[in-house]
Amino acid sequence: MLESVLPRFFKGAGHTFRTNDKLRHVRKTKHKDPLSNSTIDQIKSSKIWRKEQEFYDFAEAQFRSLKEDILKTTAGRTDFHYEKIRPAHKEEEP
C-alpha cells in the first residue's frame, strides 16, 4: 500500500520484501509454544488487552478501507496520464 501511496519513496519495496531471502527471518517464528486456553482467557479478560484489541480493529479497518480505495483508483493503471495543456491564445490586435 505504501508503494501505491508514495511510489517515489517505496518503489520496489513490496517485491524486495517478498523475494529477499535475507528478510525471511522477519516473517517466521523459529519456536512458538502453544498457549493454554486458560492463559488466552486470562489475557483476553485484561482491560489493557481489550483496549489494544479495540485499537487494532480500528487501525485494521482504516487500513483495509484505504487499501480498497487505492486499488479502485489504480486498477488497470500502470502509469499516470496527464492531459495536454495548451496556452490560451490572445486575440490579435489590429
Protein backbone atom coordinates (compact mmCIF):
# COMPACT_ATOMS: atom_id res chain seq x y z
CA MET A 1 0.00 0.00 0.00
CA LEU A 2 2.84 2.39 0.80
CA GLU A 3 4.26 1.67 -2.63
CA SER A 4 0.98 2.90 -4.15
CA VAL A 5 0.67 5.97 -1.95
CA LEU A 6 4.34 7.01 -2.04
CA PRO A 7 5.79 5.33 -5.15
CA ARG A 8 8.80 7.61 -5.32
CA PHE A 9 9.93 6.51 -1.88
CA PHE A 10 8.74 2.87 -1.75
CA LYS A 11 9.21 1.80 -5.39
CA GLY A 12 10.09 -1.91 -5.44
CA ALA A 13 9.79 -2.35 -1.66
CA GLY A 14 6.99 -4.91 -1.90
CA HIS A 15 8.88 -7.06 -4.38
CA THR A 16 12.05 -6.85 -2.28
CA PHE A 17 10.18 -7.86 0.88
CA ARG A 18 8.50 -10.84 -0.82
CA THR A 19 11.61 -12.17 -2.60
CA ASN A 20 14.67 -11.23 -0.49
CA ASP A 21 15.94 -14.30 1.41
CA LYS A 22 17.76 -12.07 3.91
CA LEU A 23 14.37 -10.88 5.20
CA ARG A 24 12.83 -14.34 5.72
CA HIS A 25 13.54 -14.17 9.46
CA VAL A 26 11.21 -11.17 9.71
CA ARG A 27 8.22 -13.26 8.65
CA LYS A 28 8.97 -16.51 10.53
CA THR A 29 9.00 -17.55 14.17
CA LYS A 30 11.64 -20.18 14.92
CA HIS A 31 9.97 -21.61 18.02
CA LYS A 32 6.49 -20.92 19.29
CA ASP A 33 4.92 -22.81 22.18
CA PRO A 34 1.12 -23.06 22.05
CA LEU A 35 -0.78 -21.19 24.77
CA SER A 36 -3.27 -22.95 27.00
CA ASN A 37 -6.91 -21.89 26.85
CA SER A 38 -6.74 -20.62 30.42
CA THR A 39 -3.79 -18.37 29.52
CA ILE A 40 -5.65 -17.00 26.49
CA ASP A 41 -8.77 -16.38 28.60
CA GLN A 42 -6.73 -14.59 31.25
CA ILE A 43 -5.08 -12.34 28.66
CA LYS A 44 -8.41 -11.56 26.96
CA SER A 45 -10.00 -10.61 30.27
CA SER A 46 -7.40 -7.89 30.77
CA LYS A 47 -8.63 -4.30 30.29
CA ILE A 48 -5.36 -3.43 28.56
CA TRP A 49 -5.76 -6.27 26.04
CA ARG A 50 -9.33 -5.20 25.25
CA LYS A 51 -8.22 -1.61 24.61
CA GLU A 52 -5.31 -2.76 22.45
CA GLN A 53 -7.62 -5.09 20.51
CA GLU A 54 -10.11 -2.27 20.02
CA PHE A 55 -7.34 -0.04 18.64
CA TYR A 56 -6.02 -2.84 16.42
CA ASP A 57 -9.50 -3.46 14.99
CA PHE A 58 -9.88 0.28 14.29
CA ALA A 59 -6.46 0.53 12.61
CA GLU A 60 -7.10 -2.59 10.54
CA ALA A 61 -10.45 -1.22 9.33
CA GLN A 62 -8.78 2.07 8.34
CA PHE A 63 -6.02 0.22 6.52
CA ARG A 64 -8.44 -2.02 4.63
CA SER A 65 -10.59 0.95 3.63
CA LEU A 66 -7.58 2.89 2.37
CA LYS A 67 -6.26 -0.17 0.55
CA GLU A 68 -9.63 -0.69 -1.15
CA ASP A 69 -9.73 2.97 -2.25
CA ILE A 70 -6.19 2.76 -3.63
CA LEU A 71 -6.91 -0.46 -5.51
CA LYS A 72 -10.05 1.06 -7.03
CA THR A 73 -8.25 4.17 -8.23
CA THR A 74 -5.19 2.34 -9.55
CA ALA A 75 -6.93 -0.71 -11.08
CA GLY A 76 -5.64 -1.27 -14.59
CA ARG A 77 -3.46 1.81 -14.46
CA THR A 78 0.26 1.28 -14.83
CA ASP A 79 1.25 4.89 -15.25
CA PHE A 80 -0.16 8.34 -14.74
CA HIS A 81 -1.93 10.12 -17.57
CA TYR A 82 -1.52 13.83 -17.95
CA GLU A 83 -3.86 15.92 -20.06
CA LYS A 84 -2.33 18.24 -22.58
CA ILE A 85 -2.49 21.83 -21.52
CA ARG A 86 -2.36 24.42 -24.26
CA PRO A 87 -1.80 28.11 -23.59
CA ALA A 88 -4.75 30.37 -24.25
CA HIS A 89 -4.33 32.45 -27.38
CA LYS A 90 -4.54 36.19 -27.01
CA GLU A 91 -6.77 37.87 -29.51
CA GLU A 92 -4.68 39.64 -32.10
CA GLU A 93 -4.83 43.38 -32.00
CA PRO A 94 -5.11 45.26 -35.35
